[in-house]
N, C-alpha and C. Protein backbone atom coordinates (compact mmCIF):
# COMPACT_ATOMS: atom_id res chain seq x y z
N MET A 1 88.45 -188.51 -195.15
CA MET A 1 89.39 -188.59 -194.05
C MET A 1 90.78 -188.28 -194.57
N SER A 2 91.49 -187.44 -193.87
CA SER A 2 92.80 -187.03 -194.35
C SER A 2 93.87 -188.06 -193.97
N SER A 3 94.92 -188.04 -194.72
CA SER A 3 95.99 -189.01 -194.52
C SER A 3 96.87 -188.57 -193.34
N VAL A 4 97.71 -189.49 -192.93
CA VAL A 4 98.65 -189.21 -191.84
C VAL A 4 99.60 -188.09 -192.25
N ARG A 5 100.00 -188.08 -193.50
CA ARG A 5 100.90 -187.04 -194.01
C ARG A 5 100.25 -185.66 -193.90
N GLU A 6 98.98 -185.56 -194.26
CA GLU A 6 98.27 -184.29 -194.15
C GLU A 6 98.12 -183.86 -192.69
N GLN A 7 97.84 -184.81 -191.82
CA GLN A 7 97.71 -184.52 -190.39
C GLN A 7 99.04 -184.02 -189.81
N LEU A 8 100.13 -184.64 -190.20
CA LEU A 8 101.45 -184.19 -189.75
C LEU A 8 101.77 -182.79 -190.27
N ALA A 9 101.41 -182.54 -191.52
CA ALA A 9 101.64 -181.21 -192.10
C ALA A 9 100.86 -180.15 -191.33
N LEU A 10 99.61 -180.45 -190.99
CA LEU A 10 98.80 -179.52 -190.20
C LEU A 10 99.38 -179.33 -188.80
N PHE A 11 99.85 -180.41 -188.22
CA PHE A 11 100.45 -180.36 -186.88
C PHE A 11 101.64 -179.39 -186.86
N PHE A 12 102.55 -179.53 -187.83
CA PHE A 12 103.75 -178.72 -187.86
C PHE A 12 103.51 -177.29 -188.34
N ARG A 13 102.31 -177.00 -188.84
CA ARG A 13 101.94 -175.63 -189.22
C ARG A 13 101.03 -174.98 -188.19
N ASN A 14 100.76 -175.68 -187.11
CA ASN A 14 99.87 -175.16 -186.08
C ASN A 14 100.46 -173.89 -185.49
N PRO A 15 99.71 -172.78 -185.54
CA PRO A 15 100.25 -171.51 -185.06
C PRO A 15 100.58 -171.50 -183.56
N VAL A 16 99.86 -172.27 -182.77
CA VAL A 16 100.16 -172.32 -181.34
C VAL A 16 101.51 -173.02 -181.13
N LEU A 17 101.72 -174.14 -181.79
CA LEU A 17 102.99 -174.84 -181.71
C LEU A 17 104.13 -173.95 -182.21
N LEU A 18 103.94 -173.32 -183.35
CA LEU A 18 104.98 -172.46 -183.92
C LEU A 18 105.32 -171.29 -183.01
N SER A 19 104.30 -170.68 -182.40
CA SER A 19 104.57 -169.55 -181.50
C SER A 19 105.32 -170.01 -180.24
N CYS A 20 104.99 -171.19 -179.73
CA CYS A 20 105.69 -171.72 -178.55
C CYS A 20 107.15 -172.02 -178.88
N ILE A 21 107.39 -172.63 -180.02
CA ILE A 21 108.77 -172.91 -180.44
C ILE A 21 109.53 -171.60 -180.64
N PHE A 22 108.91 -170.63 -181.29
CA PHE A 22 109.55 -169.34 -181.51
C PHE A 22 109.86 -168.65 -180.19
N SER A 23 108.95 -168.73 -179.24
CA SER A 23 109.14 -168.12 -177.94
C SER A 23 110.31 -168.75 -177.20
N TRP A 24 110.36 -170.06 -177.18
CA TRP A 24 111.44 -170.77 -176.50
C TRP A 24 112.79 -170.45 -177.14
N LEU A 25 112.84 -170.51 -178.48
CA LEU A 25 114.09 -170.21 -179.18
C LEU A 25 114.51 -168.75 -178.99
N SER A 26 113.55 -167.83 -178.95
CA SER A 26 113.86 -166.42 -178.74
C SER A 26 114.48 -166.21 -177.36
N ALA A 27 113.89 -166.82 -176.34
CA ALA A 27 114.43 -166.69 -174.98
C ALA A 27 115.84 -167.30 -174.90
N GLN A 28 116.02 -168.46 -175.52
CA GLN A 28 117.36 -169.09 -175.51
C GLN A 28 118.36 -168.22 -176.26
N PHE A 29 117.95 -167.60 -177.36
CA PHE A 29 118.84 -166.74 -178.14
C PHE A 29 119.23 -165.50 -177.32
N ILE A 30 118.27 -164.87 -176.65
CA ILE A 30 118.56 -163.70 -175.82
C ILE A 30 119.50 -164.10 -174.68
N LYS A 31 119.22 -165.24 -174.05
CA LYS A 31 120.06 -165.75 -172.97
C LYS A 31 121.49 -165.96 -173.46
N THR A 32 121.63 -166.53 -174.64
CA THR A 32 122.95 -166.78 -175.22
C THR A 32 123.68 -165.48 -175.52
N LEU A 33 122.97 -164.50 -176.08
CA LEU A 33 123.60 -163.20 -176.35
C LEU A 33 124.09 -162.53 -175.07
N ILE A 34 123.29 -162.58 -174.03
CA ILE A 34 123.69 -161.98 -172.75
C ILE A 34 124.96 -162.65 -172.24
N LYS A 35 125.00 -163.97 -172.26
CA LYS A 35 126.19 -164.70 -171.79
C LYS A 35 127.39 -164.42 -172.69
N LEU A 36 127.15 -164.35 -173.99
CA LEU A 36 128.24 -164.12 -174.95
C LEU A 36 128.86 -162.74 -174.73
N PHE A 37 128.03 -161.71 -174.62
CA PHE A 37 128.55 -160.35 -174.45
C PHE A 37 129.11 -160.08 -173.06
N SER A 38 128.75 -160.91 -172.09
CA SER A 38 129.32 -160.75 -170.75
C SER A 38 130.58 -161.60 -170.56
N GLY A 39 131.02 -162.26 -171.64
CA GLY A 39 132.26 -163.03 -171.60
C GLY A 39 132.17 -164.35 -170.87
N LYS A 40 130.99 -164.91 -170.76
CA LYS A 40 130.80 -166.16 -170.03
C LYS A 40 130.70 -167.38 -170.94
N VAL A 41 130.98 -167.20 -172.24
CA VAL A 41 130.98 -168.32 -173.19
C VAL A 41 132.42 -168.54 -173.61
N HIS A 42 132.90 -169.78 -173.40
CA HIS A 42 134.31 -170.06 -173.62
C HIS A 42 134.60 -171.04 -174.75
N SER A 43 133.56 -171.57 -175.38
CA SER A 43 133.77 -172.49 -176.49
C SER A 43 132.53 -172.53 -177.38
N VAL A 44 132.70 -173.06 -178.57
CA VAL A 44 131.57 -173.21 -179.49
C VAL A 44 130.57 -174.22 -178.92
N GLY A 45 131.07 -175.26 -178.28
CA GLY A 45 130.18 -176.25 -177.66
C GLY A 45 129.31 -175.64 -176.59
N GLU A 46 129.91 -174.78 -175.76
CA GLU A 46 129.16 -174.10 -174.72
C GLU A 46 128.13 -173.14 -175.33
N LEU A 47 128.50 -172.50 -176.43
CA LEU A 47 127.58 -171.60 -177.13
C LEU A 47 126.37 -172.37 -177.65
N LEU A 48 126.61 -173.51 -178.26
CA LEU A 48 125.50 -174.33 -178.78
C LEU A 48 124.64 -174.89 -177.66
N GLU A 49 125.27 -175.28 -176.56
CA GLU A 49 124.51 -175.79 -175.41
C GLU A 49 123.60 -174.69 -174.86
N LEU A 50 124.15 -173.48 -174.75
CA LEU A 50 123.34 -172.35 -174.28
C LEU A 50 122.18 -172.07 -175.23
N LEU A 51 122.47 -172.11 -176.50
CA LEU A 51 121.47 -171.75 -177.51
C LEU A 51 120.29 -172.72 -177.54
N PHE A 52 120.56 -174.00 -177.29
CA PHE A 52 119.49 -174.99 -177.47
C PHE A 52 119.06 -175.73 -176.22
N TRP A 53 119.83 -175.68 -175.13
CA TRP A 53 119.49 -176.59 -174.06
C TRP A 53 119.59 -176.03 -172.64
N ARG A 54 120.61 -175.25 -172.34
CA ARG A 54 120.90 -174.89 -170.95
C ARG A 54 119.75 -174.12 -170.30
N THR A 55 119.51 -174.48 -169.04
CA THR A 55 118.45 -173.82 -168.26
C THR A 55 119.06 -172.77 -167.36
N GLY A 56 118.21 -171.99 -166.73
CA GLY A 56 118.65 -170.92 -165.84
C GLY A 56 118.96 -169.67 -166.64
N SER A 57 119.25 -168.60 -165.94
CA SER A 57 119.66 -167.30 -166.50
C SER A 57 118.48 -166.53 -167.08
N MET A 58 118.81 -165.34 -167.58
CA MET A 58 117.83 -164.36 -168.08
C MET A 58 117.69 -164.47 -169.58
N PRO A 59 116.51 -164.50 -170.13
CA PRO A 59 115.20 -164.71 -169.51
C PRO A 59 114.89 -166.19 -169.41
N SER A 60 113.90 -166.54 -168.63
CA SER A 60 113.48 -167.92 -168.49
C SER A 60 112.76 -168.39 -169.75
N SER A 61 113.33 -169.38 -170.42
CA SER A 61 112.69 -169.89 -171.63
C SER A 61 111.45 -170.72 -171.29
N HIS A 62 111.46 -171.38 -170.13
CA HIS A 62 110.27 -172.13 -169.71
C HIS A 62 109.10 -171.17 -169.49
N SER A 63 109.38 -170.06 -168.82
CA SER A 63 108.33 -169.07 -168.56
C SER A 63 107.82 -168.46 -169.86
N ALA A 64 108.74 -168.17 -170.77
CA ALA A 64 108.35 -167.60 -172.07
C ALA A 64 107.43 -168.57 -172.82
N LEU A 65 107.80 -169.83 -172.84
CA LEU A 65 107.02 -170.83 -173.57
C LEU A 65 105.61 -170.96 -172.99
N VAL A 66 105.49 -171.12 -171.67
CA VAL A 66 104.15 -171.32 -171.11
C VAL A 66 103.31 -170.04 -171.16
N ALA A 67 103.97 -168.88 -171.10
CA ALA A 67 103.21 -167.63 -171.25
C ALA A 67 102.67 -167.50 -172.67
N THR A 68 103.47 -167.90 -173.65
CA THR A 68 103.01 -167.89 -175.04
C THR A 68 101.85 -168.85 -175.23
N LEU A 69 101.98 -170.05 -174.69
CA LEU A 69 100.91 -171.04 -174.79
C LEU A 69 99.62 -170.52 -174.17
N CYS A 70 99.72 -169.98 -172.98
CA CYS A 70 98.54 -169.47 -172.27
C CYS A 70 97.90 -168.31 -173.04
N THR A 71 98.72 -167.42 -173.56
CA THR A 71 98.20 -166.28 -174.34
C THR A 71 97.47 -166.76 -175.59
N ASN A 72 98.09 -167.68 -176.32
CA ASN A 72 97.46 -168.22 -177.53
C ASN A 72 96.14 -168.91 -177.23
N VAL A 73 96.14 -169.75 -176.23
CA VAL A 73 94.92 -170.49 -175.89
C VAL A 73 93.83 -169.52 -175.43
N GLY A 74 94.20 -168.51 -174.66
CA GLY A 74 93.22 -167.51 -174.22
C GLY A 74 92.59 -166.77 -175.39
N PHE A 75 93.42 -166.39 -176.37
CA PHE A 75 92.89 -165.68 -177.54
C PHE A 75 92.06 -166.60 -178.43
N ARG A 76 92.50 -167.83 -178.62
CA ARG A 76 91.84 -168.72 -179.57
C ARG A 76 90.59 -169.38 -178.98
N SER A 77 90.63 -169.74 -177.71
CA SER A 77 89.53 -170.50 -177.11
C SER A 77 88.71 -169.70 -176.12
N GLY A 78 89.21 -168.54 -175.71
CA GLY A 78 88.50 -167.72 -174.72
C GLY A 78 89.00 -168.02 -173.32
N ILE A 79 88.99 -166.98 -172.49
CA ILE A 79 89.54 -167.17 -171.14
C ILE A 79 88.60 -167.92 -170.21
N ASN A 80 87.40 -168.22 -170.65
CA ASN A 80 86.49 -169.03 -169.84
C ASN A 80 86.44 -170.49 -170.27
N SER A 81 87.27 -170.85 -171.24
CA SER A 81 87.26 -172.23 -171.74
C SER A 81 88.04 -173.16 -170.81
N ASP A 82 87.68 -174.43 -170.86
CA ASP A 82 88.39 -175.44 -170.07
C ASP A 82 89.85 -175.54 -170.49
N VAL A 83 90.11 -175.44 -171.77
CA VAL A 83 91.48 -175.58 -172.25
C VAL A 83 92.35 -174.40 -171.81
N PHE A 84 91.74 -173.21 -171.69
CA PHE A 84 92.50 -172.07 -171.16
C PHE A 84 92.81 -172.31 -169.69
N MET A 85 91.85 -172.81 -168.93
CA MET A 85 92.09 -173.10 -167.51
C MET A 85 93.21 -174.12 -167.35
N LEU A 86 93.22 -175.12 -168.21
CA LEU A 86 94.30 -176.11 -168.20
C LEU A 86 95.65 -175.43 -168.47
N SER A 87 95.71 -174.58 -169.49
CA SER A 87 96.96 -173.91 -169.82
C SER A 87 97.39 -172.94 -168.71
N LEU A 88 96.43 -172.31 -168.05
CA LEU A 88 96.73 -171.40 -166.95
C LEU A 88 97.33 -172.15 -165.76
N VAL A 89 96.74 -173.30 -165.43
CA VAL A 89 97.27 -174.11 -164.33
C VAL A 89 98.66 -174.63 -164.69
N PHE A 90 98.84 -175.06 -165.92
CA PHE A 90 100.17 -175.50 -166.39
C PHE A 90 101.17 -174.36 -166.27
N PHE A 91 100.76 -173.15 -166.64
CA PHE A 91 101.58 -171.95 -166.51
C PHE A 91 101.99 -171.74 -165.05
N MET A 92 101.02 -171.80 -164.14
CA MET A 92 101.31 -171.55 -162.73
C MET A 92 102.25 -172.61 -162.14
N VAL A 93 102.05 -173.87 -162.49
CA VAL A 93 102.92 -174.94 -162.00
C VAL A 93 104.35 -174.74 -162.52
N THR A 94 104.47 -174.40 -163.79
CA THR A 94 105.79 -174.20 -164.39
C THR A 94 106.52 -173.03 -163.74
N ILE A 95 105.81 -171.92 -163.53
CA ILE A 95 106.42 -170.74 -162.91
C ILE A 95 106.83 -171.06 -161.48
N ARG A 96 105.98 -171.72 -160.75
CA ARG A 96 106.30 -172.11 -159.36
C ARG A 96 107.52 -173.00 -159.32
N ASP A 97 107.61 -173.93 -160.23
CA ASP A 97 108.76 -174.83 -160.29
C ASP A 97 110.04 -174.06 -160.61
N ALA A 98 109.98 -173.16 -161.58
CA ALA A 98 111.17 -172.42 -162.01
C ALA A 98 111.72 -171.53 -160.90
N VAL A 99 110.82 -170.86 -160.18
CA VAL A 99 111.26 -169.88 -159.19
C VAL A 99 111.43 -170.50 -157.80
N GLY A 100 110.75 -171.59 -157.56
CA GLY A 100 110.78 -172.18 -156.23
C GLY A 100 111.60 -173.44 -156.14
N VAL A 101 111.02 -174.51 -156.63
CA VAL A 101 111.59 -175.84 -156.45
C VAL A 101 112.96 -175.98 -157.11
N ARG A 102 113.06 -175.66 -158.39
CA ARG A 102 114.34 -175.82 -159.09
C ARG A 102 115.41 -174.89 -158.54
N ARG A 103 115.02 -173.68 -158.19
CA ARG A 103 115.98 -172.73 -157.61
C ARG A 103 116.49 -173.24 -156.27
N ALA A 104 115.58 -173.72 -155.42
CA ALA A 104 115.99 -174.24 -154.11
C ALA A 104 116.88 -175.47 -154.27
N ASN A 105 116.56 -176.34 -155.22
CA ASN A 105 117.39 -177.52 -155.46
C ASN A 105 118.79 -177.12 -155.91
N GLY A 106 118.89 -176.10 -156.77
CA GLY A 106 120.19 -175.64 -157.24
C GLY A 106 121.03 -175.06 -156.13
N ILE A 107 120.40 -174.28 -155.26
CA ILE A 107 121.12 -173.69 -154.12
C ILE A 107 121.59 -174.80 -153.18
N GLN A 108 120.73 -175.75 -152.92
CA GLN A 108 121.08 -176.87 -152.05
C GLN A 108 122.23 -177.69 -152.64
N ALA A 109 122.18 -177.96 -153.94
CA ALA A 109 123.25 -178.73 -154.59
C ALA A 109 124.58 -177.98 -154.51
N ARG A 110 124.55 -176.66 -154.69
CA ARG A 110 125.79 -175.86 -154.61
C ARG A 110 126.40 -175.96 -153.21
N VAL A 111 125.57 -175.89 -152.17
CA VAL A 111 126.05 -176.00 -150.79
C VAL A 111 126.62 -177.39 -150.53
N LEU A 112 125.92 -178.42 -151.01
CA LEU A 112 126.43 -179.79 -150.84
C LEU A 112 127.78 -179.98 -151.53
N ASN A 113 127.91 -179.43 -152.74
CA ASN A 113 129.18 -179.55 -153.47
C ASN A 113 130.31 -178.81 -152.76
N THR A 114 130.03 -177.65 -152.21
CA THR A 114 131.04 -176.90 -151.46
C THR A 114 131.48 -177.69 -150.21
N LEU A 115 130.51 -178.21 -149.49
CA LEU A 115 130.80 -179.01 -148.30
C LEU A 115 131.58 -180.27 -148.67
N GLY A 116 131.14 -180.95 -149.73
CA GLY A 116 131.82 -182.16 -150.18
C GLY A 116 133.26 -181.89 -150.59
N LYS A 117 133.50 -180.79 -151.27
CA LYS A 117 134.86 -180.41 -151.69
C LYS A 117 135.77 -180.19 -150.48
N LYS A 118 135.24 -179.51 -149.46
CA LYS A 118 136.02 -179.27 -148.23
C LYS A 118 136.35 -180.58 -147.52
N LEU A 119 135.38 -181.50 -147.49
CA LEU A 119 135.62 -182.79 -146.84
C LEU A 119 136.64 -183.63 -147.61
N VAL A 120 136.61 -183.54 -148.94
CA VAL A 120 137.60 -184.25 -149.77
C VAL A 120 138.99 -183.67 -149.52
N GLU A 121 139.11 -182.33 -149.45
CA GLU A 121 140.39 -181.67 -149.21
C GLU A 121 141.00 -182.08 -147.88
N LYS A 122 140.16 -182.36 -146.89
CA LYS A 122 140.63 -182.77 -145.57
C LYS A 122 140.85 -184.28 -145.50
N GLY A 123 140.54 -185.00 -146.59
CA GLY A 123 140.74 -186.44 -146.63
C GLY A 123 139.73 -187.23 -145.83
N ILE A 124 138.61 -186.63 -145.54
CA ILE A 124 137.60 -187.30 -144.71
C ILE A 124 136.75 -188.27 -145.52
N ILE A 125 136.34 -187.87 -146.72
CA ILE A 125 135.49 -188.73 -147.55
C ILE A 125 135.87 -188.58 -149.02
N ASP A 126 135.42 -189.54 -149.82
CA ASP A 126 135.42 -189.39 -151.27
C ASP A 126 134.04 -188.83 -151.62
N PHE A 127 134.01 -187.86 -152.52
CA PHE A 127 132.74 -187.20 -152.83
C PHE A 127 132.64 -186.99 -154.33
N VAL A 128 131.50 -187.37 -154.88
CA VAL A 128 131.20 -187.09 -156.28
C VAL A 128 130.20 -185.95 -156.29
N PRO A 129 130.56 -184.81 -156.92
CA PRO A 129 129.65 -183.66 -156.91
C PRO A 129 128.29 -184.00 -157.54
N VAL A 130 127.25 -183.39 -156.98
CA VAL A 130 125.91 -183.56 -157.52
C VAL A 130 125.67 -182.46 -158.56
N LYS A 131 124.76 -182.73 -159.49
CA LYS A 131 124.44 -181.76 -160.53
C LYS A 131 123.72 -180.56 -159.92
N GLU A 132 124.17 -179.38 -160.30
CA GLU A 132 123.54 -178.15 -159.81
C GLU A 132 122.56 -177.65 -160.86
N VAL A 133 121.28 -177.99 -160.67
CA VAL A 133 120.23 -177.57 -161.57
C VAL A 133 119.92 -176.11 -161.28
N GLN A 134 119.95 -175.29 -162.32
CA GLN A 134 119.70 -173.87 -162.11
C GLN A 134 118.22 -173.56 -162.22
N GLY A 135 117.73 -172.89 -161.22
CA GLY A 135 116.38 -172.36 -161.27
C GLY A 135 116.46 -170.91 -161.74
N HIS A 136 115.47 -170.14 -161.43
CA HIS A 136 115.43 -168.75 -161.89
C HIS A 136 115.13 -167.81 -160.75
N THR A 137 115.62 -166.59 -160.88
CA THR A 137 115.23 -165.52 -159.98
C THR A 137 113.84 -165.04 -160.42
N PRO A 138 113.13 -164.37 -159.53
CA PRO A 138 111.83 -163.83 -159.94
C PRO A 138 111.93 -162.89 -161.15
N ALA A 139 113.00 -162.11 -161.25
CA ALA A 139 113.15 -161.19 -162.39
C ALA A 139 113.32 -161.97 -163.70
N GLU A 140 114.09 -163.05 -163.68
CA GLU A 140 114.28 -163.86 -164.89
C GLU A 140 112.96 -164.47 -165.35
N VAL A 141 112.15 -164.90 -164.40
CA VAL A 141 110.84 -165.47 -164.72
C VAL A 141 109.90 -164.38 -165.24
N ALA A 142 109.90 -163.23 -164.60
CA ALA A 142 109.01 -162.13 -165.03
C ALA A 142 109.35 -161.69 -166.45
N ILE A 143 110.63 -161.54 -166.77
CA ILE A 143 111.02 -161.14 -168.12
C ILE A 143 110.65 -162.22 -169.12
N GLY A 144 110.84 -163.50 -168.75
CA GLY A 144 110.43 -164.60 -169.62
C GLY A 144 108.93 -164.57 -169.88
N CYS A 145 108.14 -164.30 -168.85
CA CYS A 145 106.68 -164.22 -169.00
C CYS A 145 106.27 -163.08 -169.92
N LEU A 146 106.91 -161.93 -169.74
CA LEU A 146 106.60 -160.78 -170.62
C LEU A 146 106.97 -161.08 -172.07
N LEU A 147 108.14 -161.66 -172.26
CA LEU A 147 108.58 -162.04 -173.61
C LEU A 147 107.57 -163.00 -174.23
N GLY A 148 107.18 -164.02 -173.47
CA GLY A 148 106.22 -165.01 -173.96
C GLY A 148 104.86 -164.42 -174.26
N PHE A 149 104.40 -163.54 -173.38
CA PHE A 149 103.11 -162.90 -173.60
C PHE A 149 103.11 -162.10 -174.90
N PHE A 150 104.15 -161.29 -175.11
CA PHE A 150 104.19 -160.45 -176.31
C PHE A 150 104.40 -161.26 -177.59
N ILE A 151 105.14 -162.34 -177.51
CA ILE A 151 105.28 -163.22 -178.68
C ILE A 151 103.94 -163.89 -178.97
N GLY A 152 103.28 -164.39 -177.92
CA GLY A 152 101.95 -165.00 -178.12
C GLY A 152 100.95 -164.01 -178.66
N LEU A 153 100.97 -162.80 -178.14
CA LEU A 153 100.08 -161.74 -178.63
C LEU A 153 100.36 -161.44 -180.10
N GLY A 154 101.63 -161.34 -180.43
CA GLY A 154 102.01 -161.08 -181.83
C GLY A 154 101.51 -162.16 -182.78
N PHE A 155 101.67 -163.42 -182.38
CA PHE A 155 101.19 -164.51 -183.24
C PHE A 155 99.67 -164.49 -183.36
N CYS A 156 98.98 -164.14 -182.28
CA CYS A 156 97.51 -164.08 -182.33
C CYS A 156 97.02 -162.96 -183.21
N LEU A 157 97.68 -161.82 -183.16
CA LEU A 157 97.25 -160.67 -183.95
C LEU A 157 97.65 -160.78 -185.41
N LEU A 158 98.68 -161.57 -185.71
CA LEU A 158 99.15 -161.71 -187.09
C LEU A 158 98.46 -162.82 -187.85
N LYS A 159 97.65 -163.61 -187.20
CA LYS A 159 97.02 -164.75 -187.88
C LYS A 159 96.19 -164.26 -188.97
């Protein structure tokens, strides 16, 4: 029986995990470069936030990650396996959330904040703005999926 240390070492060398991390970081890096070259980054803090955390924009890092996961599982376990079906359903839920639910919530929050600001200016109410969670456009999700698929494919073929 292997030790906990050996199990952790195997966990952190798992090619599926590594490809998913690489995919997410690649999408975040591309997103950061796009924002940087378009002049939308105004501080080092904002640059770091974009690089490691911020959601929304091109390409979708969530889409890239789940596409990589699905591609890896399909290659390793077969597309008829239960674990591939699980990863495919997870992929579909994530994509639906990115393009539908989160996008709609972000649009709704933006409208509420605009309305709240106007009401504050007229002295009608005190208003604390709500967080505007950014979802994705279909193009941002599609590019994220393609990026994730090709990264997953690359990791599968290089094993």
